Amino acid sequence: MNNVNLIGRLTRDADLKYTPSGIAVARFTLAVQRSYFNSQNEREVDFISCVAWRKIAENLANYTMKGSLVGVTGRIQTRSYEDQQGNKRYVTEVIADSVQFLSSSQNRNNNQTNTNANNTNQNQNPYDDPFTNYGEPIDIDDADLPF
């Protein structure tokens, strides 16, 4: 059985492209927090490469943005290719069979307002809001990404 379920935040806007035959494909990376704290009492984050096809890809590109919280159900796929130097490279990625948008659709147009609202609600019980359990939006500088 090859089944993956992830909840995380987009590290950047989804990269939507079309194949020569007109099929939409979106590549995106999810920042997924681990469920435990490290020795510095901080949560570590895994950056997971994902691919969505067809309508899922178009919806992802149209209705999400960097920092959007999404749930992805899919499968792990490994492929290989030869780089320009002739070395064989392997790529492991999640092929998204479905994507659930867990952030408000208003985030696309009004991300700053929602971030300010989240900051004013920090003293509330985090279990009152089902999305708070997954952390605040992750501010990631492109230079910090491993790719």
N, C-alpha and C. Protein backbone atom coordinates (compact mmCIF):
# COMPACT_ATOMS: atom_id res chain seq x y z
N MET A 1 0.85 -1.17 0.00
CA MET A 1 0.00 0.00 0.00
C MET A 1 0.89 1.23 0.00
N ASN A 2 0.60 2.15 -0.87
CA ASN A 2 1.37 3.39 -1.01
C ASN A 2 0.40 4.55 -0.83
N ASN A 3 0.30 5.06 0.40
CA ASN A 3 -0.66 6.11 0.71
C ASN A 3 0.01 7.12 1.63
N VAL A 4 -0.12 8.41 1.30
CA VAL A 4 0.48 9.48 2.08
C VAL A 4 -0.59 10.51 2.43
N ASN A 5 -0.61 10.95 3.68
CA ASN A 5 -1.49 12.03 4.12
C ASN A 5 -0.63 13.07 4.80
N LEU A 6 -0.69 14.30 4.32
CA LEU A 6 0.12 15.39 4.85
C LEU A 6 -0.74 16.61 5.12
N ILE A 7 -0.38 17.36 6.15
CA ILE A 7 -0.94 18.68 6.37
C ILE A 7 0.24 19.61 6.57
N GLY A 8 0.29 20.65 5.75
CA GLY A 8 1.40 21.58 5.84
C GLY A 8 1.10 22.88 5.12
N ARG A 9 2.10 23.74 5.10
CA ARG A 9 1.96 25.05 4.47
C ARG A 9 2.84 25.11 3.22
N LEU A 10 2.32 25.76 2.18
CA LEU A 10 3.08 25.93 0.95
C LEU A 10 4.29 26.83 1.22
N THR A 11 5.46 26.42 0.75
CA THR A 11 6.66 27.23 0.95
C THR A 11 6.76 28.36 -0.07
N ARG A 12 5.99 28.27 -1.15
CA ARG A 12 5.88 29.31 -2.17
C ARG A 12 4.65 29.03 -3.00
N ASP A 13 4.26 29.93 -3.85
CA ASP A 13 3.11 29.70 -4.71
C ASP A 13 3.38 28.47 -5.58
N ALA A 14 2.33 27.70 -5.86
CA ALA A 14 2.46 26.52 -6.71
C ALA A 14 2.93 26.95 -8.10
N ASP A 15 3.81 26.15 -8.69
CA ASP A 15 4.36 26.42 -10.02
C ASP A 15 3.52 25.66 -11.05
N LEU A 16 2.57 26.36 -11.68
CA LEU A 16 1.65 25.75 -12.64
C LEU A 16 2.23 25.84 -14.05
N LYS A 17 2.27 24.70 -14.72
CA LYS A 17 2.70 24.62 -16.12
C LYS A 17 1.77 23.68 -16.85
N TYR A 18 1.91 23.63 -18.15
CA TYR A 18 1.10 22.74 -18.97
C TYR A 18 2.01 21.88 -19.84
N THR A 19 1.65 20.61 -19.98
CA THR A 19 2.39 19.72 -20.86
C THR A 19 2.11 20.12 -22.30
N PRO A 20 2.91 19.63 -23.26
CA PRO A 20 2.62 19.94 -24.67
C PRO A 20 1.21 19.53 -25.11
N SER A 21 0.64 18.53 -24.44
CA SER A 21 -0.72 18.11 -24.80
C SER A 21 -1.80 18.88 -24.03
N GLY A 22 -1.39 19.89 -23.23
CA GLY A 22 -2.34 20.76 -22.57
C GLY A 22 -2.79 20.31 -21.18
N ILE A 23 -2.11 19.36 -20.57
CA ILE A 23 -2.48 18.89 -19.24
C ILE A 23 -1.78 19.74 -18.20
N ALA A 24 -2.54 20.25 -17.22
CA ALA A 24 -1.99 21.10 -16.16
C ALA A 24 -1.20 20.25 -15.16
N VAL A 25 -0.05 20.78 -14.74
CA VAL A 25 0.76 20.14 -13.71
C VAL A 25 1.30 21.24 -12.80
N ALA A 26 1.16 21.04 -11.50
CA ALA A 26 1.66 22.03 -10.53
C ALA A 26 2.64 21.33 -9.59
N ARG A 27 3.79 21.96 -9.43
CA ARG A 27 4.78 21.48 -8.47
C ARG A 27 4.76 22.44 -7.29
N PHE A 28 4.82 21.87 -6.09
CA PHE A 28 4.81 22.68 -4.89
C PHE A 28 5.52 21.93 -3.78
N THR A 29 5.94 22.68 -2.77
CA THR A 29 6.62 22.09 -1.63
C THR A 29 5.83 22.43 -0.38
N LEU A 30 5.61 21.40 0.45
CA LEU A 30 4.91 21.58 1.72
C LEU A 30 5.92 21.59 2.85
N ALA A 31 5.77 22.54 3.75
CA ALA A 31 6.52 22.55 5.01
C ALA A 31 5.63 21.87 6.03
N VAL A 32 6.05 20.71 6.51
CA VAL A 32 5.25 19.90 7.42
C VAL A 32 5.99 19.81 8.75
N GLN A 33 5.34 20.29 9.81
CA GLN A 33 5.95 20.24 11.13
C GLN A 33 5.90 18.83 11.68
N ARG A 34 6.98 18.44 12.35
CA ARG A 34 7.00 17.15 13.03
C ARG A 34 6.18 17.26 14.30
N SER A 35 5.72 16.14 14.80
CA SER A 35 4.80 16.14 15.94
C SER A 35 5.51 16.24 17.29
N TYR A 36 6.83 16.29 17.30
CA TYR A 36 7.57 16.34 18.55
C TYR A 36 8.53 17.52 18.55
N PHE A 37 9.07 17.84 19.72
CA PHE A 37 10.01 18.95 19.87
C PHE A 37 11.43 18.40 19.97
N ASN A 38 12.40 19.12 19.40
CA ASN A 38 13.79 18.69 19.49
C ASN A 38 14.40 19.11 20.83
N SER A 39 15.70 18.91 21.01
CA SER A 39 16.35 19.20 22.28
C SER A 39 16.36 20.70 22.61
N GLN A 40 16.18 21.57 21.61
CA GLN A 40 16.09 23.01 21.84
C GLN A 40 14.64 23.45 22.05
N ASN A 41 13.73 22.48 22.23
CA ASN A 41 12.31 22.73 22.45
C ASN A 41 11.67 23.44 21.26
N GLU A 42 12.12 23.09 20.06
CA GLU A 42 11.57 23.63 18.82
C GLU A 42 11.07 22.48 17.96
N ARG A 43 10.07 22.76 17.16
CA ARG A 43 9.59 21.75 16.21
C ARG A 43 10.45 21.81 14.96
N GLU A 44 10.81 20.65 14.45
CA GLU A 44 11.53 20.59 13.19
C GLU A 44 10.51 20.50 12.06
N VAL A 45 10.94 20.89 10.87
CA VAL A 45 10.05 20.94 9.71
C VAL A 45 10.68 20.14 8.58
N ASP A 46 9.86 19.35 7.92
CA ASP A 46 10.27 18.63 6.72
C ASP A 46 9.71 19.35 5.51
N PHE A 47 10.51 19.47 4.46
CA PHE A 47 10.08 20.10 3.22
C PHE A 47 9.85 18.99 2.20
N ILE A 48 8.59 18.81 1.81
CA ILE A 48 8.21 17.66 1.00
C ILE A 48 7.75 18.13 -0.38
N SER A 49 8.41 17.62 -1.41
CA SER A 49 8.08 17.97 -2.80
C SER A 49 6.82 17.23 -3.22
N CYS A 50 5.91 17.96 -3.86
CA CYS A 50 4.64 17.39 -4.30
C CYS A 50 4.33 17.81 -5.73
N VAL A 51 3.50 17.00 -6.38
CA VAL A 51 3.05 17.28 -7.74
C VAL A 51 1.56 17.01 -7.82
N ALA A 52 0.83 17.93 -8.43
CA ALA A 52 -0.61 17.76 -8.67
C ALA A 52 -0.86 17.89 -10.17
N TRP A 53 -1.86 17.18 -10.64
CA TRP A 53 -2.18 17.17 -12.06
C TRP A 53 -3.60 17.66 -12.31
N ARG A 54 -3.84 18.09 -13.52
CA ARG A 54 -5.14 18.46 -14.07
C ARG A 54 -5.86 19.52 -13.22
N LYS A 55 -7.12 19.29 -12.91
CA LYS A 55 -7.94 20.30 -12.21
C LYS A 55 -7.40 20.58 -10.81
N ILE A 56 -6.86 19.56 -10.15
CA ILE A 56 -6.27 19.78 -8.82
C ILE A 56 -5.13 20.79 -8.94
N ALA A 57 -4.31 20.66 -9.97
CA ALA A 57 -3.19 21.58 -10.18
C ALA A 57 -3.68 23.00 -10.42
N GLU A 58 -4.69 23.15 -11.27
CA GLU A 58 -5.22 24.48 -11.57
C GLU A 58 -5.86 25.11 -10.33
N ASN A 59 -6.63 24.34 -9.58
CA ASN A 59 -7.24 24.87 -8.36
C ASN A 59 -6.19 25.27 -7.34
N LEU A 60 -5.17 24.48 -7.19
CA LEU A 60 -4.09 24.79 -6.26
C LEU A 60 -3.43 26.12 -6.63
N ALA A 61 -3.14 26.30 -7.91
CA ALA A 61 -2.50 27.54 -8.36
C ALA A 61 -3.43 28.75 -8.23
N ASN A 62 -4.72 28.55 -8.43
CA ASN A 62 -5.67 29.66 -8.42
C ASN A 62 -6.14 30.06 -7.03
N TYR A 63 -6.16 29.13 -6.08
CA TYR A 63 -6.79 29.40 -4.79
C TYR A 63 -5.87 29.31 -3.58
N THR A 64 -4.58 29.10 -3.80
CA THR A 64 -3.64 29.08 -2.68
C THR A 64 -2.47 29.99 -2.98
N MET A 65 -1.65 30.21 -1.98
CA MET A 65 -0.45 31.02 -2.13
C MET A 65 0.56 30.57 -1.08
N LYS A 66 1.74 31.14 -1.13
CA LYS A 66 2.77 30.83 -0.14
C LYS A 66 2.18 31.01 1.26
N GLY A 67 2.37 30.00 2.11
CA GLY A 67 1.86 30.05 3.47
C GLY A 67 0.49 29.42 3.66
N SER A 68 -0.22 29.10 2.57
CA SER A 68 -1.54 28.49 2.69
C SER A 68 -1.43 27.11 3.33
N LEU A 69 -2.37 26.80 4.21
CA LEU A 69 -2.43 25.51 4.86
C LEU A 69 -3.26 24.57 4.00
N VAL A 70 -2.69 23.43 3.63
CA VAL A 70 -3.39 22.46 2.79
C VAL A 70 -3.19 21.05 3.34
N GLY A 71 -4.15 20.20 3.05
CA GLY A 71 -4.04 18.77 3.32
C GLY A 71 -3.88 18.05 2.00
N VAL A 72 -2.94 17.15 1.93
CA VAL A 72 -2.66 16.42 0.69
C VAL A 72 -2.78 14.93 0.96
N THR A 73 -3.54 14.25 0.11
CA THR A 73 -3.59 12.80 0.12
C THR A 73 -3.06 12.34 -1.22
N GLY A 74 -2.15 11.38 -1.19
CA GLY A 74 -1.55 10.92 -2.44
C GLY A 74 -0.68 9.71 -2.24
N ARG A 75 0.32 9.60 -3.10
CA ARG A 75 1.23 8.45 -3.06
C ARG A 75 2.65 8.92 -3.31
N ILE A 76 3.61 8.17 -2.81
CA ILE A 76 5.01 8.49 -3.04
C ILE A 76 5.44 7.87 -4.37
N GLN A 77 6.17 8.66 -5.14
CA GLN A 77 6.68 8.17 -6.42
C GLN A 77 8.15 8.52 -6.51
N THR A 78 8.96 7.59 -7.00
CA THR A 78 10.38 7.81 -7.20
C THR A 78 10.66 7.69 -8.69
N ARG A 79 11.43 8.62 -9.20
CA ARG A 79 11.83 8.57 -10.61
C ARG A 79 13.31 8.92 -10.69
N SER A 80 13.90 8.66 -11.83
CA SER A 80 15.32 8.99 -12.00
C SER A 80 15.53 9.65 -13.36
N TYR A 81 16.63 10.37 -13.45
CA TYR A 81 17.01 11.01 -14.70
C TYR A 81 18.53 11.20 -14.70
N GLU A 82 19.07 11.52 -15.85
CA GLU A 82 20.51 11.82 -15.95
C GLU A 82 20.69 13.32 -16.03
N ASP A 83 21.59 13.85 -15.19
CA ASP A 83 21.85 15.29 -15.23
C ASP A 83 22.79 15.60 -16.39
N GLN A 84 23.17 16.86 -16.55
CA GLN A 84 23.99 17.29 -17.68
C GLN A 84 25.39 16.68 -17.67
N GLN A 85 25.85 16.25 -16.49
CA GLN A 85 27.17 15.62 -16.38
C GLN A 85 27.09 14.11 -16.56
N GLY A 86 25.89 13.58 -16.82
CA GLY A 86 25.73 12.15 -17.03
C GLY A 86 25.52 11.36 -15.75
N ASN A 87 25.37 12.03 -14.63
CA ASN A 87 25.12 11.34 -13.36
C ASN A 87 23.64 11.00 -13.23
N LYS A 88 23.37 9.82 -12.68
CA LYS A 88 21.98 9.43 -12.47
C LYS A 88 21.49 10.07 -11.18
N ARG A 89 20.37 10.77 -11.26
CA ARG A 89 19.76 11.45 -10.12
C ARG A 89 18.41 10.83 -9.84
N TYR A 90 18.07 10.75 -8.56
CA TYR A 90 16.78 10.20 -8.14
C TYR A 90 15.95 11.30 -7.49
N VAL A 91 14.66 11.27 -7.75
CA VAL A 91 13.73 12.25 -7.19
C VAL A 91 12.60 11.47 -6.54
N THR A 92 12.29 11.81 -5.30
CA THR A 92 11.14 11.24 -4.60
C THR A 92 10.17 12.37 -4.32
N GLU A 93 8.91 12.17 -4.70
CA GLU A 93 7.91 13.22 -4.52
C GLU A 93 6.56 12.59 -4.24
N VAL A 94 5.66 13.39 -3.70
CA VAL A 94 4.30 12.94 -3.45
C VAL A 94 3.44 13.36 -4.63
N ILE A 95 2.73 12.41 -5.21
CA ILE A 95 1.78 12.69 -6.27
C ILE A 95 0.43 12.88 -5.60
N ALA A 96 -0.11 14.08 -5.66
CA ALA A 96 -1.35 14.43 -4.94
C ALA A 96 -2.57 13.91 -5.69
N ASP A 97 -3.31 13.03 -5.03
CA ASP A 97 -4.58 12.56 -5.58
C ASP A 97 -5.72 13.50 -5.18
N SER A 98 -5.56 14.17 -4.04
CA SER A 98 -6.53 15.20 -3.62
C SER A 98 -5.82 16.22 -2.75
N VAL A 99 -6.31 17.45 -2.80
CA VAL A 99 -5.77 18.54 -1.99
C VAL A 99 -6.96 19.25 -1.35
N GLN A 100 -6.91 19.38 -0.04
CA GLN A 100 -7.94 20.10 0.71
C GLN A 100 -7.38 21.44 1.13
N PHE A 101 -8.11 22.50 0.87
CA PHE A 101 -7.68 23.84 1.28
C PHE A 101 -8.14 24.07 2.71
N LEU A 102 -7.20 24.20 3.62
CA LEU A 102 -7.51 24.34 5.04
C LEU A 102 -7.42 25.78 5.52
N SER A 103 -6.89 26.67 4.69
CA SER A 103 -6.87 28.09 4.99
C SER A 103 -8.08 28.73 4.34
N SER A 104 -8.48 29.87 4.85
CA SER A 104 -9.57 30.61 4.25
C SER A 104 -9.19 31.05 2.85
N SER A 105 -10.16 31.06 1.94
CA SER A 105 -9.89 31.52 0.58
C SER A 105 -9.58 33.01 0.55
N GLN A 106 -9.93 33.72 1.63
CA GLN A 106 -9.61 35.14 1.71
C GLN A 106 -8.10 35.35 1.80
N ASN A 107 -7.36 34.31 2.21
CA ASN A 107 -5.91 34.46 2.33
C ASN A 107 -5.27 34.85 1.02
N ARG A 108 -5.84 34.42 -0.07
CA ARG A 108 -5.25 34.74 -1.38
C ARG A 108 -5.22 36.24 -1.61
N ASN A 109 -6.27 36.94 -1.16
CA ASN A 109 -6.36 38.37 -1.40
C ASN A 109 -6.01 39.21 -0.19
N ASN A 110 -6.00 38.62 0.99
CA ASN A 110 -5.86 39.43 2.19
C ASN A 110 -5.03 38.71 3.24
N ASN A 111 -3.87 38.21 2.87
CA ASN A 111 -3.02 37.43 3.77
C ASN A 111 -2.55 38.25 4.96
N GLN A 112 -2.23 39.51 4.77
CA GLN A 112 -1.71 40.33 5.86
C GLN A 112 -2.75 40.53 6.95
N THR A 113 -4.00 40.77 6.59
CA THR A 113 -5.05 40.97 7.58
C THR A 113 -5.22 39.72 8.43
N ASN A 114 -5.23 38.53 7.81
CA ASN A 114 -5.39 37.29 8.55
C ASN A 114 -4.20 37.02 9.46
N THR A 115 -3.00 37.37 9.04
CA THR A 115 -1.82 37.17 9.88
C THR A 115 -1.93 38.06 11.11
N ASN A 116 -2.37 39.31 10.95
CA ASN A 116 -2.53 40.19 12.10
C ASN A 116 -3.60 39.67 13.04
N ALA A 117 -4.69 39.13 12.50
CA ALA A 117 -5.75 38.57 13.34
C ALA A 117 -5.23 37.38 14.12
N ASN A 118 -4.41 36.54 13.50
CA ASN A 118 -3.84 35.39 14.21
C ASN A 118 -2.95 35.85 15.35
N ASN A 119 -2.19 36.90 15.15
CA ASN A 119 -1.29 37.38 16.19
C ASN A 119 -2.07 37.93 17.39
N THR A 120 -3.24 38.50 17.19
CA THR A 120 -4.01 39.04 18.30
C THR A 120 -4.73 37.94 19.08
N ASN A 121 -4.86 36.75 18.50
CA ASN A 121 -5.55 35.65 19.16
C ASN A 121 -4.60 34.66 19.82
N GLN A 122 -3.35 35.01 20.03
CA GLN A 122 -2.37 34.06 20.54
C GLN A 122 -2.67 33.62 21.97
N ASN A 123 -3.42 34.37 22.75
CA ASN A 123 -3.69 34.00 24.13
C ASN A 123 -4.88 33.05 24.25
N GLN A 124 -5.56 32.75 23.17
CA GLN A 124 -6.68 31.83 23.21
C GLN A 124 -6.18 30.40 23.29
N ASN A 125 -7.04 29.50 23.74
CA ASN A 125 -6.71 28.08 23.78
C ASN A 125 -6.51 27.61 22.34
N PRO A 126 -5.34 27.03 22.00
CA PRO A 126 -5.09 26.63 20.61
C PRO A 126 -6.03 25.53 20.13
N TYR A 127 -6.69 24.83 21.04
CA TYR A 127 -7.58 23.76 20.63
C TYR A 127 -8.98 24.27 20.28
N ASP A 128 -9.24 25.57 20.48
CA ASP A 128 -10.51 26.18 20.09
C ASP A 128 -10.62 26.28 18.57
N ASP A 129 -9.51 26.42 17.90
CA ASP A 129 -9.48 26.56 16.45
C ASP A 129 -8.79 25.33 15.88
N PRO A 130 -9.47 24.51 15.08
CA PRO A 130 -8.86 23.28 14.60
C PRO A 130 -7.63 23.49 13.74
N PHE A 131 -7.46 24.68 13.14
CA PHE A 131 -6.32 24.91 12.28
C PHE A 131 -5.11 25.42 13.06
N THR A 132 -5.30 25.91 14.25
CA THR A 132 -4.20 26.43 15.06
C THR A 132 -3.23 25.32 15.44
N ASN A 133 -3.72 24.11 15.57
CA ASN A 133 -2.88 23.00 15.97
C ASN A 133 -1.72 22.78 15.01
N TYR A 134 -1.83 23.27 13.81
CA TYR A 134 -0.79 23.05 12.82
C TYR A 134 0.19 24.22 12.75
N GLY A 135 0.11 25.14 13.68
CA GLY A 135 1.08 26.23 13.77
C GLY A 135 0.67 27.44 12.97
N GLU A 136 1.37 28.51 13.24
CA GLU A 136 1.16 29.76 12.53
C GLU A 136 1.79 29.65 11.14
N PRO A 137 1.45 30.55 10.23
CA PRO A 137 2.08 30.52 8.91
C PRO A 137 3.60 30.56 9.05
N ILE A 138 4.26 29.76 8.26
CA ILE A 138 5.71 29.67 8.32
C ILE A 138 6.30 30.68 7.36
N ASP A 139 7.14 31.57 7.88
CA ASP A 139 7.81 32.55 7.05
C ASP A 139 9.16 31.97 6.67
N ILE A 140 9.31 31.56 5.43
CA ILE A 140 10.51 30.89 4.97
C ILE A 140 11.17 31.73 3.90
N ASP A 141 12.42 32.05 4.11
CA ASP A 141 13.19 32.76 3.10
C ASP A 141 13.63 31.74 2.05
N ASP A 142 13.55 32.07 0.79
CA ASP A 142 13.93 31.15 -0.27
C ASP A 142 15.36 30.64 -0.09
N ALA A 143 16.23 31.40 0.50
CA ALA A 143 17.61 30.98 0.70
C ALA A 143 17.70 29.84 1.70
N ASP A 144 16.69 29.66 2.56
CA ASP A 144 16.69 28.61 3.56
C ASP A 144 16.20 27.26 3.02
N LEU A 145 15.60 27.26 1.82
CA LEU A 145 15.06 26.04 1.27
C LEU A 145 16.20 25.14 0.74
N PRO A 146 16.04 23.83 0.88
CA PRO A 146 17.12 22.91 0.50
C PRO A 146 17.19 22.62 -0.99
N PHE A 147 16.53 23.38 -1.83
CA PHE A 147 16.57 23.12 -3.28
C PHE A 147 16.62 24.40 -4.05
